[in-house]
C-alpha atoms as a PDB file:
ATOM      1  CA  UNK A   1     -22.522 -15.158   8.852  1.00  0.00           C
ATOM      2  CA  UNK A   2     -21.830 -16.752  12.228  1.00  0.00           C
ATOM      3  CA  UNK A   3     -18.231 -18.073  12.759  1.00  0.00           C
ATOM      4  CA  UNK A   4     -16.055 -18.387  15.875  1.00  0.00           C
ATOM      5  CA  UNK A   5     -19.078 -17.808  18.162  1.00  0.00           C
ATOM      6  CA  UNK A   6     -19.707 -14.304  16.701  1.00  0.00           C
ATOM      7  CA  UNK A   7     -22.137 -12.995  14.150  1.00  0.00           C
ATOM      8  CA  UNK A   8     -20.612 -10.927  11.352  1.00  0.00           C
ATOM      9  CA  UNK A   9     -22.666  -8.501   9.215  1.00  0.00           C
ATOM     10  CA  UNK A  10     -21.609  -8.495   5.586  1.00  0.00           C
ATOM     11  CA  UNK A  11     -22.482  -7.508   2.061  1.00  0.00           C
ATOM     12  CA  UNK A  12     -22.242 -10.142  -0.710  1.00  0.00           C
ATOM     13  CA  UNK A  13     -22.757  -9.209  -4.385  1.00  0.00           C
ATOM     14  CA  UNK A  14     -21.798 -10.476  -7.766  1.00  0.00           C
ATOM     15  CA  UNK A  15     -20.624 -13.706  -9.403  1.00  0.00           C
ATOM     16  CA  UNK A  16     -17.296 -15.170 -10.302  1.00  0.00           C
ATOM     17  CA  UNK A  17     -14.079 -15.596  -8.272  1.00  0.00           C
ATOM     18  CA  UNK A  18     -14.459 -14.761  -4.658  1.00  0.00           C
ATOM     19  CA  UNK A  19     -13.017 -11.403  -3.521  1.00  0.00           C
ATOM     20  CA  UNK A  20     -13.036 -10.581   0.247  1.00  0.00           C
ATOM     21  CA  UNK A  21     -12.526  -7.019   1.477  1.00  0.00           C
ATOM     22  CA  UNK A  22     -11.115  -6.285   4.942  1.00  0.00           C
ATOM     23  CA  UNK A  23     -11.502  -2.766   6.331  1.00  0.00           C
ATOM     24  CA  UNK A  24      -9.058  -0.806   8.574  1.00  0.00           C
ATOM     25  CA  UNK A  25      -9.358   0.872  11.993  1.00  0.00           C
ATOM     26  CA  UNK A  26     -12.161   3.311  12.877  1.00  0.00           C
ATOM     27  CA  UNK A  27     -14.095   1.881   9.979  1.00  0.00           C
ATOM     28  CA  UNK A  28     -16.454  -0.925   8.835  1.00  0.00           C
ATOM     29  CA  UNK A  29     -17.711  -2.364   5.562  1.00  0.00           C
ATOM     30  CA  UNK A  30     -18.973   1.052   4.497  1.00  0.00           C
ATOM     31  CA  UNK A  31     -15.400   2.053   3.585  1.00  0.00           C
ATOM     32  CA  UNK A  32     -15.814  -0.147   0.526  1.00  0.00           C
ATOM     33  CA  UNK A  33     -19.113   1.481  -0.686  1.00  0.00           C
ATOM     34  CA  UNK A  34     -17.393   2.781  -3.877  1.00  0.00           C
ATOM     35  CA  UNK A  35     -15.774  -0.630  -4.629  1.00  0.00           C
ATOM     36  CA  UNK A  36     -18.608  -3.074  -4.125  1.00  0.00           C
ATOM     37  CA  UNK A  37     -20.569  -2.066  -7.243  1.00  0.00           C
ATOM     38  CA  UNK A  38     -17.632  -2.027  -9.721  1.00  0.00           C
ATOM     39  CA  UNK A  39     -15.988  -5.122  -8.217  1.00  0.00           C
ATOM     40  CA  UNK A  40     -19.146  -7.114  -8.121  1.00  0.00           C
ATOM     41  CA  UNK A  41     -19.509  -6.707 -11.960  1.00  0.00           C
ATOM     42  CA  UNK A  42     -16.499  -9.080 -12.180  1.00  0.00           C
ATOM     43  CA  UNK A  43     -16.185 -10.926  -8.922  1.00  0.00           C
ATOM     44  CA  UNK A  44     -18.349 -12.326  -6.055  1.00  0.00           C
ATOM     45  CA  UNK A  45     -17.577  -9.663  -3.484  1.00  0.00           C
ATOM     46  CA  UNK A  46     -17.815 -10.069   0.325  1.00  0.00           C
ATOM     47  CA  UNK A  47     -17.348  -6.940   2.400  1.00  0.00           C
ATOM     48  CA  UNK A  48     -17.757  -7.709   6.104  1.00  0.00           C
ATOM     49  CA  UNK A  49     -17.463  -5.686   9.291  1.00  0.00           C
ATOM     50  CA  UNK A  50     -14.760  -7.091  11.544  1.00  0.00           C
ATOM     51  CA  UNK A  51     -15.404  -8.273  15.077  1.00  0.00           C
ATOM     52  CA  UNK A  52     -16.747  -5.418  17.338  1.00  0.00           C
ATOM     53  CA  UNK A  53     -17.202  -3.049  14.404  1.00  0.00           C
ATOM     54  CA  UNK A  54     -20.537  -1.480  13.377  1.00  0.00           C
ATOM     55  CA  UNK A  55     -23.199  -2.849  12.870  1.00  0.00           C
ATOM     56  CA  UNK A  56     -21.910  -5.937  14.707  1.00  0.00           C
ATOM     57  CA  UNK A  57     -22.140  -6.408  18.521  1.00  0.00           C
ATOM     58  CA  UNK A  58     -19.693  -3.906  20.120  1.00  0.00           C
ATOM     59  CA  UNK A  59     -16.854  -4.890  22.356  1.00  0.00           C
ATOM     60  CA  UNK A  60     -17.725  -5.315  26.001  1.00  0.00           C
ATOM     61  CA  UNK A  61     -15.863  -3.439  28.700  1.00  0.00           C
ATOM     62  CA  UNK A  62     -12.775  -5.395  29.712  1.00  0.00           C
ATOM     63  CA  UNK A  63     -12.986  -7.810  26.834  1.00  0.00           C
ATOM     64  CA  UNK A  64      -9.782  -8.852  25.221  1.00  0.00           C
ATOM     65  CA  UNK A  65      -8.811  -7.516  21.767  1.00  0.00           C
ATOM     66  CA  UNK A  66      -6.189  -9.004  19.560  1.00  0.00           C
ATOM     67  CA  UNK A  67      -5.191  -9.008  15.879  1.00  0.00           C
ATOM     68  CA  UNK A  68      -4.792 -12.774  16.132  1.00  0.00           C
ATOM     69  CA  UNK A  69      -8.525 -13.125  16.739  1.00  0.00           C
ATOM     70  CA  UNK A  70      -9.229 -11.044  13.578  1.00  0.00           C
ATOM     71  CA  UNK A  71      -6.947 -13.269  11.560  1.00  0.00           C
ATOM     72  CA  UNK A  72      -8.787 -16.371  12.858  1.00  0.00           C
ATOM     73  CA  UNK A  73     -12.144 -14.768  12.055  1.00  0.00           C
ATOM     74  CA  UNK A  74     -10.995 -13.878   8.465  1.00  0.00           C
ATOM     75  CA  UNK A  75      -9.730 -17.416   7.865  1.00  0.00           C
ATOM     76  CA  UNK A  76     -13.028 -18.867   9.095  1.00  0.00           C
ATOM     77  CA  UNK A  77     -15.029 -16.519   6.821  1.00  0.00           C
ATOM     78  CA  UNK A  78     -12.864 -17.457   3.804  1.00  0.00           C
ATOM     79  CA  UNK A  79     -13.153 -21.175   4.465  1.00  0.00           C
ATOM     80  CA  UNK A  80     -16.959 -20.726   4.353  1.00  0.00           C
ATOM     81  CA  UNK A  81     -16.675 -19.131   0.877  1.00  0.00           C
ATOM     82  CA  UNK A  82     -15.056 -20.832  -2.043  1.00  0.00           C
ATOM     83  CA  UNK A  83     -11.282 -20.782  -1.409  1.00  0.00           C
ATOM     84  CA  UNK A  84      -8.822 -19.960  -2.661  1.00  0.00           C
ATOM     85  CA  UNK A  85      -9.993 -16.339  -2.885  1.00  0.00           C
ATOM     86  CA  UNK A  86      -8.728 -12.953  -3.766  1.00  0.00           C
ATOM     87  CA  UNK A  87      -8.168 -10.802  -0.687  1.00  0.00           C
ATOM     88  CA  UNK A  88      -7.906  -7.086  -0.301  1.00  0.00           C
ATOM     89  CA  UNK A  89      -7.184  -5.327   2.970  1.00  0.00           C
ATOM     90  CA  UNK A  90      -6.705  -1.662   4.062  1.00  0.00           C
ATOM     91  CA  UNK A  91      -4.466  -0.475   6.845  1.00  0.00           C
ATOM     92  CA  UNK A  92      -5.143  -2.579  10.052  1.00  0.00           C
ATOM     93  CA  UNK A  93      -7.055  -4.896   7.704  1.00  0.00           C
ATOM     94  CA  UNK A  94      -4.064  -5.074   5.434  1.00  0.00           C
ATOM     95  CA  UNK A  95      -1.941  -6.220   8.344  1.00  0.00           C
ATOM     96  CA  UNK A  96      -4.415  -8.876   9.093  1.00  0.00           C
ATOM     97  CA  UNK A  97      -4.302 -10.041   5.391  1.00  0.00           C
ATOM     98  CA  UNK A  98      -0.548 -10.332   5.531  1.00  0.00           C
ATOM     99  CA  UNK A  99      -0.683 -12.493   8.687  1.00  0.00           C
ATOM    100  CA  UNK A 100      -3.279 -14.703   7.019  1.00  0.00           C
ATOM    101  CA  UNK A 101      -1.059 -15.012   3.922  1.00  0.00           C
ATOM    102  CA  UNK A 102       1.779 -16.185   6.176  1.00  0.00           C
ATOM    103  CA  UNK A 103      -0.471 -18.594   8.133  1.00  0.00           C
ATOM    104  CA  UNK A 104      -2.645 -20.058   5.375  1.00  0.00           C
ATOM    105  CA  UNK A 105      -1.320 -19.198   1.895  1.00  0.00           C
ATOM    106  CA  UNK A 106      -3.433 -22.043   0.381  1.00  0.00           C
ATOM    107  CA  UNK A 107      -6.552 -19.967   0.913  1.00  0.00           C
ATOM    108  CA  UNK A 108      -5.408 -17.110  -1.387  1.00  0.00           C
ATOM    109  CA  UNK A 109      -5.137 -16.619  -5.155  1.00  0.00           C
ATOM    110  CA  UNK A 110      -3.926 -13.015  -4.931  1.00  0.00           C
ATOM    111  CA  UNK A 111      -3.546 -10.270  -2.386  1.00  0.00           C
ATOM    112  CA  UNK A 112      -4.081  -6.501  -2.385  1.00  0.00           C
ATOM    113  CA  UNK A 113      -2.714  -4.593   0.636  1.00  0.00           C
ATOM    114  CA  UNK A 114      -3.070  -0.828   1.190  1.00  0.00           C
ATOM    115  CA  UNK A 115      -0.722   0.737   3.767  1.00  0.00           C
ATOM    116  CA  UNK A 116      -0.459  -1.945   6.440  1.00  0.00           C
ATOM    117  CA  UNK A 117       0.945  -0.488   9.674  1.00  0.00           C
ATOM    118  CA  UNK A 118       3.620  -3.229  10.012  1.00  0.00           C
ATOM    119  CA  UNK A 119       5.777  -1.380  12.481  1.00  0.00           C
ATOM    120  CA  UNK A 120       6.483  -4.644  14.238  1.00  0.00           C
ATOM    121  CA  UNK A 121       8.610  -5.748  11.251  1.00  0.00           C
ATOM    122  CA  UNK A 122      11.201  -3.466  12.864  1.00  0.00           C
ATOM    123  CA  UNK A 123      10.444  -2.675  16.491  1.00  0.00           C
ATOM    124  CA  UNK A 124       8.135  -3.963  19.247  1.00  0.00           C
ATOM    125  CA  UNK A 125       4.744  -2.379  20.003  1.00  0.00           C
ATOM    126  CA  UNK A 126       6.381  -0.140  22.517  1.00  0.00           C
ATOM    127  CA  UNK A 127       9.847   0.302  21.102  1.00  0.00           C
ATOM    128  CA  UNK A 128      12.746   0.654  23.458  1.00  0.00           C
ATOM    129  CA  UNK A 129      15.572   3.185  22.795  1.00  0.00           C
ATOM    130  CA  UNK A 130      17.971   0.438  21.715  1.00  0.00           C
ATOM    131  CA  UNK A 131      15.503  -0.895  19.152  1.00  0.00           C
ATOM    132  CA  UNK A 132      15.081   2.551  17.644  1.00  0.00           C
ATOM    133  CA  UNK A 133      18.875   3.255  17.732  1.00  0.00           C
ATOM    134  CA  UNK A 134      19.569   0.119  15.763  1.00  0.00           C
ATOM    135  CA  UNK A 135      16.827   1.004  13.310  1.00  0.00           C
ATOM    136  CA  UNK A 136      18.199   4.586  12.900  1.00  0.00           C
ATOM    137  CA  UNK A 137      21.551   3.097  11.911  1.00  0.00           C
ATOM    138  CA  UNK A 138      20.002   0.867   9.174  1.00  0.00           C
ATOM    139  CA  UNK A 139      16.810   2.677   8.059  1.00  0.00           C
ATOM    140  CA  UNK A 140      16.899   6.298   9.438  1.00  0.00           C
ATOM    141  CA  UNK A 141      13.821   7.444   7.542  1.00  0.00           C
ATOM    142  CA  UNK A 142      11.737   4.561   8.807  1.00  0.00           C
ATOM    143  CA  UNK A 143      12.986   5.026  12.447  1.00  0.00           C
ATOM    144  CA  UNK A 144      12.234   8.708  12.405  1.00  0.00           C
ATOM    145  CA  UNK A 145       8.744   8.142  10.998  1.00  0.00           C
ATOM    146  CA  UNK A 146       7.951   5.542  13.702  1.00  0.00           C
ATOM    147  CA  UNK A 147       9.265   7.824  16.467  1.00  0.00           C
ATOM    148  CA  UNK A 148       7.227  10.786  15.111  1.00  0.00           C
ATOM    149  CA  UNK A 149       4.094   8.750  14.770  1.00  0.00           C
ATOM    150  CA  UNK A 150       4.373   7.336  18.303  1.00  0.00           C
ATOM    151  CA  UNK A 151       5.073  10.679  19.892  1.00  0.00           C
ATOM    152  CA  UNK A 152       2.621  12.646  17.761  1.00  0.00           C
ATOM    153  CA  UNK A 153      -0.284  10.214  17.428  1.00  0.00           C
ATOM    154  CA  UNK A 154      -0.357   7.054  19.482  1.00  0.00           C
ATOM    155  CA  UNK A 155       0.804   8.460  22.883  1.00  0.00           C
ATOM    156  CA  UNK A 156      -1.369  11.632  22.975  1.00  0.00           C
ATOM    157  CA  UNK A 157      -4.417   9.800  21.433  1.00  0.00           C
ATOM    158  CA  UNK A 158      -4.150   7.079  24.128  1.00  0.00           C
ATOM    159  CA  UNK A 159      -3.950   9.655  26.949  1.00  0.00           C
ATOM    160  CA  UNK A 160      -6.907  11.584  25.532  1.00  0.00           C
ATOM    161  CA  UNK A 161      -9.070   8.437  25.276  1.00  0.00           C
ATOM    162  CA  UNK A 162      -8.197   7.472  28.881  1.00  0.00           C
ATOM    163  CA  UNK A 163      -9.151  11.034  29.910  1.00  0.00           C
ATOM    164  CA  UNK A 164     -12.551  10.687  28.217  1.00  0.00           C
ATOM    165  CA  UNK A 165     -11.754  13.221  25.524  1.00  0.00           C
ATOM    166  CA  UNK A 166     -12.766  10.978  22.657  1.00  0.00           C
ATOM    167  CA  UNK A 167     -13.333  13.592  19.930  1.00  0.00           C
ATOM    168  CA  UNK A 168     -10.029  15.238  20.665  1.00  0.00           C
ATOM    169  CA  UNK A 169      -8.272  11.852  20.425  1.00  0.00           C
ATOM    170  CA  UNK A 170      -9.884  11.234  17.042  1.00  0.00           C
ATOM    171  CA  UNK A 171      -8.628  14.573  15.772  1.00  0.00           C
ATOM    172  CA  UNK A 172      -5.088  13.915  16.909  1.00  0.00           C
ATOM    173  CA  UNK A 173      -5.035  10.376  15.458  1.00  0.00           C
ATOM    174  CA  UNK A 174      -6.888  11.289  12.332  1.00  0.00           C
ATOM    175  CA  UNK A 175      -4.551  14.221  11.381  1.00  0.00           C
ATOM    176  CA  UNK A 176      -1.523  11.998  11.986  1.00  0.00           C
ATOM    177  CA  UNK A 177      -2.888   9.147   9.924  1.00  0.00           C
ATOM    178  CA  UNK A 178      -4.496  10.993   7.015  1.00  0.00           C
ATOM    179  CA  UNK A 179      -2.738  14.307   7.061  1.00  0.00           C
ATOM    180  CA  UNK A 180      -4.358  17.480   8.269  1.00  0.00           C
ATOM    181  CA  UNK A 181      -6.059  18.515   5.004  1.00  0.00           C
ATOM    182  CA  UNK A 182      -7.463  15.018   4.263  1.00  0.00           C
ATOM    183  CA  UNK A 183      -8.744  14.636   7.786  1.00  0.00           C
ATOM    184  CA  UNK A 184     -10.455  18.025   7.786  1.00  0.00           C
ATOM    185  CA  UNK A 185     -12.163  17.196   4.480  1.00  0.00           C
ATOM    186  CA  UNK A 186     -13.855  14.145   5.769  1.00  0.00           C
ATOM    187  CA  UNK A 187     -17.653  14.257   5.559  1.00  0.00           C
ATOM    188  CA  UNK A 188     -19.869  14.164   8.574  1.00  0.00           C
ATOM    189  CA  UNK A 189     -21.033  10.685   7.543  1.00  0.00           C
ATOM    190  CA  UNK A 190     -17.510   9.480   7.459  1.00  0.00           C
ATOM    191  CA  UNK A 191     -16.776  11.043  10.886  1.00  0.00           C
ATOM    192  CA  UNK A 192     -19.768   9.273  12.270  1.00  0.00           C
ATOM    193  CA  UNK A 193     -18.315   5.966  10.940  1.00  0.00           C
ATOM    194  CA  UNK A 194     -15.045   6.832  12.824  1.00  0.00           C
ATOM    195  CA  UNK A 195     -16.928   7.498  16.057  1.00  0.00           C
ATOM    196  CA  UNK A 196     -18.996   4.308  15.726  1.00  0.00           C
ATOM    197  CA  UNK A 197     -15.785   2.170  15.355  1.00  0.00           C
ATOM    198  CA  UNK A 198     -13.488   3.787  17.899  1.00  0.00           C
ATOM    199  CA  UNK A 199     -11.768   0.915  19.749  1.00  0.00           C
ATOM    200  CA  UNK A 200      -8.906   2.033  21.979  1.00  0.00           C
ATOM    201  CA  UNK A 201      -6.792  -1.122  21.695  1.00  0.00           C
ATOM    202  CA  UNK A 202      -7.040  -1.073  17.939  1.00  0.00           C
ATOM    203  CA  UNK A 203      -6.413   2.661  17.591  1.00  0.00           C
ATOM    204  CA  UNK A 204      -3.272   2.635  19.739  1.00  0.00           C
ATOM    205  CA  UNK A 205      -1.758  -0.457  18.162  1.00  0.00           C
ATOM    206  CA  UNK A 206      -1.401  -2.246  21.480  1.00  0.00           C
ATOM    207  CA  UNK A 207      -2.511  -5.533  19.942  1.00  0.00           C
ATOM    208  CA  UNK A 208      -0.013  -5.602  17.011  1.00  0.00           C
ATOM    209  CA  UNK A 209       1.788  -9.031  16.911  1.00  0.00           C
ATOM    210  CA  UNK A 210       5.366  -9.339  15.685  1.00  0.00           C
ATOM    211  CA  UNK A 211       5.691 -10.140  12.016  1.00  0.00           C
ATOM    212  CA  UNK A 212       8.690 -12.154  10.973  1.00  0.00           C
ATOM    213  CA  UNK A 213      10.633 -10.924   7.902  1.00  0.00           C
ATOM    214  CA  UNK A 214      11.637 -14.451   6.982  1.00  0.00           C
ATOM    215  CA  UNK A 215       8.102 -15.769   7.144  1.00  0.00           C
ATOM    216  CA  UNK A 216       6.823 -12.859   4.980  1.00  0.00           C
ATOM    217  CA  UNK A 217       9.551 -13.521   2.521  1.00  0.00           C
ATOM    218  CA  UNK A 218       8.209 -17.034   2.004  1.00  0.00           C
ATOM    219  CA  UNK A 219       4.755 -15.755   0.866  1.00  0.00           C
ATOM    220  CA  UNK A 220       4.675 -16.311  -2.932  1.00  0.00           C
ATOM    221  CA  UNK A 221       1.164 -15.033  -3.430  1.00  0.00           C
ATOM    222  CA  UNK A 222       0.952 -12.358  -6.228  1.00  0.00           C
ATOM    223  CA  UNK A 223       0.489  -9.132  -4.207  1.00  0.00           C
ATOM    224  CA  UNK A 224      -0.340  -5.657  -5.150  1.00  0.00           C
ATOM    225  CA  UNK A 225       0.804  -2.990  -2.637  1.00  0.00           C
ATOM    226  CA  UNK A 226      -1.003   0.375  -2.630  1.00  0.00           C
ATOM    227  CA  UNK A 227      -0.194   3.720  -1.023  1.00  0.00           C
ATOM    228  CA  UNK A 228      -1.798   7.092  -1.359  1.00  0.00           C
ATOM    229  CA  UNK A 229       0.281   9.833  -2.834  1.00  0.00           C
ATOM    230  CA  UNK A 230      -0.480  12.222   0.061  1.00  0.00           C
ATOM    231  CA  UNK A 231      -0.152   9.608   2.894  1.00  0.00           C
ATOM    232  CA  UNK A 232       2.234  10.314   5.789  1.00  0.00           C
ATOM    233  CA  UNK A 233       5.751   9.099   4.986  1.00  0.00           C
ATOM    234  CA  UNK A 234       5.512   6.282   7.657  1.00  0.00           C
ATOM    235  CA  UNK A 235       3.217   4.330   5.468  1.00  0.00           C
ATOM    236  CA  UNK A 236       5.397   4.681   2.423  1.00  0.00           C
ATOM    237  CA  UNK A 237       8.444   3.472   4.397  1.00  0.00           C
ATOM    238  CA  UNK A 238       6.584   0.490   5.730  1.00  0.00           C
ATOM    239  CA  UNK A 239       5.174  -0.404   2.287  1.00  0.00           C
ATOM    240  CA  UNK A 240       8.635  -0.113   0.727  1.00  0.00           C
ATOM    241  CA  UNK A 241       9.878  -2.640   3.374  1.00  0.00           C
ATOM    242  CA  UNK A 242       7.065  -5.104   2.447  1.00  0.00           C
ATOM    243  CA  UNK A 243       7.896  -4.679  -1.184  1.00  0.00           C
ATOM    244  CA  UNK A 244      11.537  -5.501  -0.507  1.00  0.00           C
ATOM    245  CA  UNK A 245      10.764  -8.612   1.535  1.00  0.00           C
ATOM    246  CA  UNK A 246       7.923 -10.290  -0.542  1.00  0.00           C
ATOM    247  CA  UNK A 247       9.002 -11.990  -3.653  1.00  0.00           C
ATOM    248  CA  UNK A 248       5.950 -11.384  -5.943  1.00  0.00           C
ATOM    249  CA  UNK A 249       4.846  -7.764  -5.454  1.00  0.00           C
ATOM    250  CA  UNK A 250       3.756  -4.873  -7.580  1.00  0.00           C
ATOM    251  CA  UNK A 251       3.491  -1.406  -6.091  1.00  0.00           C
ATOM    252  CA  UNK A 252       1.211   1.478  -7.051  1.00  0.00           C
ATOM    253  CA  UNK A 253       0.859   5.007  -5.703  1.00  0.00           C
ATOM    254  CA  UNK A 254      -2.702   6.301  -6.013  1.00  0.00           C
ATOM    255  CA  UNK A 255      -2.551  10.002  -7.002  1.00  0.00           C
ATOM    256  CA  UNK A 256      -4.468  12.594  -5.033  1.00  0.00           C
ATOM    257  CA  UNK A 257      -5.187  10.230  -2.250  1.00  0.00           C
ATOM    258  CA  UNK A 258      -4.370  10.003   1.451  1.00  0.00           C
ATOM    259  CA  UNK A 259      -4.227   6.830   3.657  1.00  0.00           C
ATOM    260  CA  UNK A 260      -7.792   5.871   2.579  1.00  0.00           C
ATOM    261  CA  UNK A 261      -7.027   5.749  -1.121  1.00  0.00           C
ATOM    262  CA  UNK A 262     -10.123   3.533  -1.827  1.00  0.00           C
ATOM    263  CA  UNK A 263     -12.253   6.457  -0.645  1.00  0.00           C
ATOM    264  CA  UNK A 264     -10.209   9.439  -1.820  1.00  0.00           C
ATOM    265  CA  UNK A 265      -9.663   8.212  -5.437  1.00  0.00           C
ATOM    266  CA  UNK A 266     -11.982   5.192  -6.066  1.00  0.00           C
ATOM    267  CA  UNK A 267     -11.796   5.487  -9.843  1.00  0.00           C
ATOM    268  CA  UNK A 268      -8.022   4.799  -9.980  1.00  0.00           C
ATOM    269  CA  UNK A 269      -8.071   2.432  -7.008  1.00  0.00           C
ATOM    270  CA  UNK A 270     -10.789   0.342  -8.555  1.00  0.00           C
ATOM    271  CA  UNK A 271      -9.133   0.209 -11.938  1.00  0.00           C
ATOM    272  CA  UNK A 272      -5.701  -0.968 -10.718  1.00  0.00           C
ATOM    273  CA  UNK A 273      -7.199  -3.533  -8.366  1.00  0.00           C
ATOM    274  CA  UNK A 274      -9.510  -5.012 -11.045  1.00  0.00           C
ATOM    275  CA  UNK A 275      -6.642  -5.142 -13.566  1.00  0.00           C
ATOM    276  CA  UNK A 276      -4.394  -6.852 -11.059  1.00  0.00           C
ATOM    277  CA  UNK A 277      -6.881  -9.436  -9.797  1.00  0.00           C
ATOM    278  CA  UNK A 278      -8.157 -10.301 -13.303  1.00  0.00           C
ATOM    279  CA  UNK A 279      -4.522 -11.459 -14.159  1.00  0.00           C
ATOM    280  CA  UNK A 280      -4.960 -14.063 -11.464  1.00  0.00           C
ATOM    281  CA  UNK A 281      -8.614 -14.953 -11.994  1.00  0.00           C
ATOM    282  CA  UNK A 282      -9.705 -18.434 -13.183  1.00  0.00           C
ATOM    283  CA  UNK A 283     -13.086 -17.416 -14.552  1.00  0.00           C
ATOM    284  CA  UNK A 284     -12.771 -14.373 -16.702  1.00  0.00           C
ATOM    285  CA  UNK A 285     -15.944 -14.944 -18.699  1.00  0.00           C
ATOM    286  CA  UNK A 286     -18.371 -13.991 -15.912  1.00  0.00           C
ATOM    287  CA  UNK A 287     -20.432 -10.846 -15.990  1.00  0.00           C
END
């Protein structure tokens, strides 16, 4: 599919209500390999690789990178489908989905969001001491998790990338995002997917836009919020905040799963997503 002057590779399978899948950082449409088959038995599933992610044209040196562009791409892709659609996003992709829900709620029937890194609900991309102090006074657990993630993942990973130590930066960021055990259990194929989709500006969060709590609170789309049982506490704190702000949410913790719950425990992930979406599907009689 070609939209916004860029060609997107995608997989489209099944019949029924449209369901669009949006992957996270250091990933591409292959993260949904264990969802496409089961989901396509009930829905028309589109899994696409976002701009600059494998096997699309990679980002050119010096080219701008912004989450806003990815939101615009997603909107254009949905508008070429049969909107309104069901939308599911993971991590960075989940953040994109929330921004689209604020911007164009008419395009969506339901929303599934897994651990979006919505740090900018509380602080800026590079939080100043005053911002963190205010957050410590109101939400100390969230503030501590953000501070720990910045100091233990984003800052060292950024320095390592700039020093040309790509594999080491992946190790640092991967262990902070998934947890040490989950990261070390990744297959070689999954690690290759990470390496093929390493984009510095995405990995370090430098392009995260602000997300307004009041705007998010006006999104009345039925929303399923998902976290992995073994994910770092930061993602649980952020998901709890989204759950508090949005008016029509249901939260589910996937057992025996890290930040990539759709890969770690696909049987449970698939079941809860299908059950949720089918409650908001207009054509339940499709095969």
